[in-house]
Amino acid sequence: MGAAEQSTAGEGRSCGKSLPPGPPLSQPGAAQQGADNLALPTRLRRCLLVGVLVALALVIAGHLLVPATSLLSTIAASAILLAYAGMAALGPVGLHRRHPDILSLAMIFGLLAGAVFAGEIILEYVLLPTDNSRYGKAEFGTVFALYCASALVAALRSRSIKNAVYTSVASAFIASLVWVITVLSVFYVFRGSARQILVLHAEGDYEDFARSGMSDFNAFIMEDFMGATFFHLSLGLLAAAVLGVIGGLVGKAIAQFRK
């Protein structure tokens, strides 16, 4: 080999040593992978926060429509919604990192349960039953079955009871937001109408008002909605947690039996 050739080869080797290895062209960057992984929880967080803001606006609108409404009941309803806002802001990303199936299952079962809530509320105004207690039993029975089913499926996939509980509670979170937005919106749309009077009779609200000792029915019914907002949104999550344990136990047992 000539001197010129040896010099060229040596330069090539030295250049090769001095150049750092580049990233594999077939693999996407870690930053892009991270952004793709957080796309679902980011979108869900945004949607949930919008839902909370809409619900909070409806609660405040109720107090403005009926100023005689107890301030305490309005504060209680607003407080639970602010707590929901905190959970909506912090929860989706953490749940997604824990297990990617939690959010997807919660969205499916939560929206199904929310559709049951919304459908029952609207049907009351469409069909005008004289007694809607059967509607209520069918409504909550179906919703609770969906919460339990979400936990069962989560446990089958992850074999974790804790993941099952998170899935059930997240489902209830979504469904409860749908409920409060629907029930207050429909109430305001039909407020003071003959159809609403029939619905309130079917729910026994006038009998409850007579026993309450209050003199203003509008204030009574609005406070009733504020109280329902607080208890539905808080107790709904607790009920979902219990159902999540039940569904998780069943799902995990089935998963282990399949081994």
Protein backbone atom coordinates (compact mmCIF):
# COMPACT_ATOMS: atom_id res chain seq x y z
CA MET A 1 0.00 0.00 0.00
CA GLY A 2 1.35 3.42 -0.94
CA ALA A 3 1.99 6.21 1.51
CA ALA A 4 -0.85 8.25 0.10
CA GLU A 5 -3.23 5.33 0.46
CA GLN A 6 -2.05 4.63 4.01
CA SER A 7 -2.53 8.28 4.91
CA THR A 8 -6.06 8.30 3.48
CA ALA A 9 -6.96 5.11 5.33
CA GLY A 10 -5.57 6.49 8.57
CA GLU A 11 -7.59 9.67 8.19
CA GLY A 12 -10.70 7.65 7.55
CA ARG A 13 -10.11 5.60 10.71
CA SER A 14 -9.40 8.67 12.80
CA CYS A 15 -12.46 10.42 11.42
CA GLY A 16 -14.56 7.36 12.18
CA LYS A 17 -13.33 7.36 15.77
CA SER A 18 -14.01 11.03 16.27
CA LEU A 19 -17.64 10.95 15.05
CA PRO A 20 -20.20 9.91 17.69
CA PRO A 21 -22.69 7.22 16.66
CA GLY A 22 -26.04 8.59 15.52
CA PRO A 23 -29.43 7.31 16.69
CA PRO A 24 -30.99 4.39 14.82
CA LEU A 25 -33.08 5.74 11.98
CA SER A 26 -35.78 3.10 12.43
CA GLN A 27 -36.70 4.16 16.00
CA PRO A 28 -38.76 7.26 16.82
CA GLY A 29 -37.38 9.75 19.29
CA ALA A 30 -38.12 9.27 22.98
CA ALA A 31 -39.75 12.69 23.14
CA GLN A 32 -42.19 11.79 20.37
CA GLN A 33 -43.00 8.47 22.02
CA GLY A 34 -43.69 10.24 25.31
CA ALA A 35 -45.97 12.76 23.61
CA ASP A 36 -47.90 9.97 21.88
CA ASN A 37 -48.27 8.05 25.16
CA LEU A 38 -49.75 11.09 26.91
CA ALA A 39 -52.14 12.05 24.12
CA LEU A 40 -55.14 10.17 25.57
CA PRO A 41 -54.83 11.37 29.18
CA THR A 42 -54.18 14.92 27.98
CA ARG A 43 -57.32 14.99 25.84
CA LEU A 44 -59.38 13.35 28.57
CA ARG A 45 -58.12 15.84 31.17
CA ARG A 46 -59.13 18.71 28.91
CA CYS A 47 -62.61 17.27 28.33
CA LEU A 48 -63.18 16.57 32.02
CA LEU A 49 -62.13 20.07 33.03
CA VAL A 50 -64.53 21.54 30.47
CA GLY A 51 -67.27 19.33 31.88
CA VAL A 52 -66.54 20.50 35.42
CA LEU A 53 -66.64 24.15 34.32
CA VAL A 54 -70.00 23.61 32.60
CA ALA A 55 -71.41 21.92 35.70
CA LEU A 56 -70.09 24.69 37.95
CA ALA A 57 -71.67 27.32 35.69
CA LEU A 58 -75.01 25.49 35.93
CA VAL A 59 -74.79 25.42 39.73
CA ILE A 60 -74.07 29.15 39.89
CA ALA A 61 -76.86 29.81 37.39
CA GLY A 62 -79.28 28.03 39.70
CA HIS A 63 -78.42 30.34 42.56
CA LEU A 64 -78.81 33.36 40.28
CA LEU A 65 -82.20 32.12 39.05
CA VAL A 66 -83.43 31.57 42.61
CA PRO A 67 -81.56 33.97 44.92
CA ALA A 68 -83.44 32.59 47.92
CA THR A 69 -81.49 29.33 47.53
CA SER A 70 -79.38 28.59 50.58
CA LEU A 71 -75.84 29.81 50.09
CA LEU A 72 -74.56 26.80 52.03
CA SER A 73 -76.11 24.36 49.56
CA THR A 74 -74.62 26.28 46.63
CA ILE A 75 -71.18 26.29 48.28
CA ALA A 76 -71.41 22.54 48.94
CA ALA A 77 -72.28 21.79 45.31
CA SER A 78 -69.53 24.11 44.10
CA ALA A 79 -66.99 22.59 46.49
CA ILE A 80 -67.51 19.03 45.24
CA LEU A 81 -67.14 20.27 41.68
CA LEU A 82 -63.89 22.03 42.56
CA ALA A 83 -62.69 18.75 44.05
CA TYR A 84 -63.63 17.10 40.77
CA ALA A 85 -61.60 19.75 38.94
CA GLY A 86 -58.55 18.82 41.00
CA MET A 87 -59.03 15.13 40.28
CA ALA A 88 -59.58 15.86 36.59
CA ALA A 89 -56.37 17.86 36.41
CA LEU A 90 -54.18 15.32 38.21
CA GLY A 91 -55.82 11.94 37.72
CA PRO A 92 -55.70 10.98 34.01
CA VAL A 93 -51.93 11.05 33.55
CA GLY A 94 -51.27 9.10 36.75
CA LEU A 95 -53.87 6.46 35.92
CA HIS A 96 -52.55 6.10 32.39
CA ARG A 97 -49.01 5.59 33.67
CA ARG A 98 -50.25 3.01 36.14
CA HIS A 99 -51.95 0.94 33.43
CA PRO A 100 -52.97 2.09 29.93
CA ASP A 101 -56.27 0.14 30.02
CA ILE A 102 -57.69 2.08 32.99
CA LEU A 103 -58.59 5.24 31.06
CA SER A 104 -59.85 3.49 27.94
CA LEU A 105 -62.14 1.22 29.96
CA ALA A 106 -63.29 4.12 32.16
CA MET A 107 -64.23 6.15 29.09
CA ILE A 108 -66.27 3.29 27.62
CA PHE A 109 -68.11 2.28 30.77
CA GLY A 110 -68.35 5.85 32.11
CA LEU A 111 -69.99 7.14 28.95
CA LEU A 112 -72.34 4.14 28.87
CA ALA A 113 -73.37 4.83 32.47
CA GLY A 114 -73.69 8.53 31.69
CA ALA A 115 -75.95 7.67 28.74
CA VAL A 116 -78.16 5.66 31.11
CA PHE A 117 -78.38 8.62 33.50
CA ALA A 118 -79.13 11.09 30.71
CA GLY A 119 -81.61 8.77 29.02
CA GLU A 120 -83.61 8.24 32.20
CA ILE A 121 -83.76 11.97 32.95
CA ILE A 122 -84.97 12.79 29.45
CA LEU A 123 -87.45 9.90 29.36
CA GLU A 124 -89.14 11.25 32.47
CA TYR A 125 -90.01 14.41 30.55
CA VAL A 126 -90.99 12.51 27.42
CA LEU A 127 -93.10 9.68 28.87
CA LEU A 128 -94.32 11.50 32.01
CA PRO A 129 -94.76 8.46 34.29
CA THR A 130 -97.01 8.92 37.31
CA ASP A 131 -94.44 7.13 39.48
CA ASN A 132 -90.82 7.09 38.37
CA SER A 133 -89.51 4.88 41.17
CA ARG A 134 -89.23 1.95 38.77
CA TYR A 135 -87.27 4.14 36.38
CA GLY A 136 -84.88 5.05 39.17
CA LYS A 137 -84.33 1.44 40.22
CA ALA A 138 -83.63 0.37 36.63
CA GLU A 139 -81.35 3.39 36.15
CA PHE A 140 -79.14 2.84 39.18
CA GLY A 141 -79.20 -0.94 38.82
CA THR A 142 -77.85 -0.63 35.28
CA VAL A 143 -75.27 1.98 36.24
CA PHE A 144 -73.98 -0.05 39.18
CA ALA A 145 -73.74 -3.12 36.95
CA LEU A 146 -71.64 -1.11 34.49
CA TYR A 147 -69.31 0.06 37.28
CA CYS A 148 -68.84 -3.51 38.45
CA ALA A 149 -68.33 -4.74 34.88
CA SER A 150 -65.63 -2.13 34.26
CA ALA A 151 -63.74 -3.40 37.31
CA LEU A 152 -64.16 -7.01 36.25
CA VAL A 153 -62.72 -6.35 32.78
CA ALA A 154 -59.85 -4.32 34.26
CA ALA A 155 -58.99 -7.15 36.64
CA LEU A 156 -59.12 -9.69 33.82
CA ARG A 157 -56.62 -7.64 31.83
CA SER A 158 -54.27 -6.53 34.59
CA ARG A 159 -54.94 -9.11 37.34
CA SER A 160 -54.93 -6.25 39.81
CA ILE A 161 -57.79 -5.41 42.18
CA LYS A 162 -56.39 -1.92 42.68
CA ASN A 163 -56.53 -1.25 38.94
CA ALA A 164 -60.10 -2.54 38.95
CA VAL A 165 -61.10 -0.08 41.68
CA TYR A 166 -59.42 2.81 39.85
CA THR A 167 -61.29 1.87 36.67
CA SER A 168 -64.66 1.69 38.41
CA VAL A 169 -64.15 5.01 40.21
CA ALA A 170 -62.96 6.73 37.02
CA SER A 171 -66.06 5.39 35.25
CA ALA A 172 -68.25 6.84 38.00
CA PHE A 173 -66.40 10.15 37.76
CA ILE A 174 -67.28 10.48 34.06
CA ALA A 175 -70.86 9.27 34.51
CA SER A 176 -71.48 11.63 37.45
CA LEU A 177 -70.37 14.62 35.41
CA VAL A 178 -72.77 13.61 32.64
CA TRP A 179 -75.54 13.25 35.22
CA VAL A 180 -75.13 16.66 36.85
CA ILE A 181 -74.87 18.49 33.52
CA THR A 182 -77.94 16.70 32.14
CA VAL A 183 -80.15 16.97 35.21
CA LEU A 184 -79.54 20.69 35.72
CA SER A 185 -79.76 21.56 32.01
CA VAL A 186 -83.05 19.70 31.55
CA PHE A 187 -84.44 21.25 34.72
CA TYR A 188 -83.63 24.77 33.53
CA VAL A 189 -85.00 24.14 30.03
CA PHE A 190 -88.36 22.93 31.38
CA ARG A 191 -88.43 25.23 34.41
CA GLY A 192 -91.96 26.36 35.23
CA SER A 193 -93.58 24.28 32.48
CA ALA A 194 -96.63 22.05 32.89
CA ARG A 195 -94.51 19.07 31.88
CA GLN A 196 -92.03 19.75 34.67
CA ILE A 197 -94.83 20.01 37.22
CA LEU A 198 -95.92 16.49 36.26
CA VAL A 199 -92.37 15.20 36.56
CA LEU A 200 -91.93 16.75 40.00
CA HIS A 201 -95.25 15.23 41.09
CA ALA A 202 -94.05 11.81 39.93
CA GLU A 203 -90.86 12.25 41.96
CA GLY A 204 -92.80 13.22 45.08
CA ASP A 205 -91.18 16.65 45.35
CA TYR A 206 -94.39 18.45 46.30
CA GLU A 207 -94.99 16.01 49.16
CA ASP A 208 -91.41 16.53 50.32
CA PHE A 209 -91.91 20.29 50.14
CA ALA A 210 -95.04 20.07 52.30
CA ARG A 211 -93.09 18.14 54.94
CA SER A 212 -90.07 20.46 54.81
CA GLY A 213 -91.75 23.44 56.45
CA MET A 214 -90.31 25.81 53.84
CA SER A 215 -92.52 28.48 52.27
CA ASP A 216 -90.76 28.93 48.92
CA PHE A 217 -91.03 25.92 46.60
CA ASN A 218 -88.53 27.33 44.09
CA ALA A 219 -85.90 27.68 46.80
CA PHE A 220 -86.74 24.22 48.10
CA ILE A 221 -86.37 22.48 44.76
CA MET A 222 -83.18 24.35 43.90
CA GLU A 223 -81.63 23.43 47.24
CA ASP A 224 -82.74 19.87 46.58
CA PHE A 225 -80.77 19.89 43.31
CA MET A 226 -77.75 21.42 45.02
CA GLY A 227 -77.83 18.72 47.67
CA ALA A 228 -78.30 16.03 45.04
CA THR A 229 -75.25 17.36 43.20
CA PHE A 230 -73.10 17.13 46.30
CA PHE A 231 -74.22 13.68 47.41
CA HIS A 232 -74.43 12.12 43.95
CA LEU A 233 -70.91 13.22 43.01
CA SER A 234 -69.40 12.17 46.34
CA LEU A 235 -71.31 9.00 47.21
CA GLY A 236 -71.22 7.86 43.58
CA LEU A 237 -67.43 7.52 43.77
CA LEU A 238 -67.65 5.64 47.07
CA ALA A 239 -70.24 3.23 45.68
CA ALA A 240 -68.05 2.71 42.61
CA ALA A 241 -65.07 1.90 44.83
CA VAL A 242 -67.05 -0.82 46.63
CA LEU A 243 -68.31 -2.22 43.34
CA GLY A 244 -64.76 -2.03 42.01
CA VAL A 245 -63.55 -4.30 44.81
CA ILE A 246 -66.31 -6.80 44.06
CA GLY A 247 -65.72 -6.74 40.32
CA GLY A 248 -61.96 -6.86 40.84
CA LEU A 249 -62.15 -9.93 43.05
CA VAL A 250 -64.33 -11.75 40.55
CA GLY A 251 -62.18 -10.69 37.60
CA LYS A 252 -58.92 -11.67 39.26
CA ALA A 253 -60.35 -15.04 40.28
CA ILE A 254 -61.43 -15.72 36.70
CA ALA A 255 -58.03 -14.63 35.37
CA GLN A 256 -56.22 -16.99 37.73
CA PHE A 257 -58.60 -19.83 36.91
CA ARG A 258 -57.81 -19.41 33.21
CA LYS A 259 -54.07 -19.99 33.78
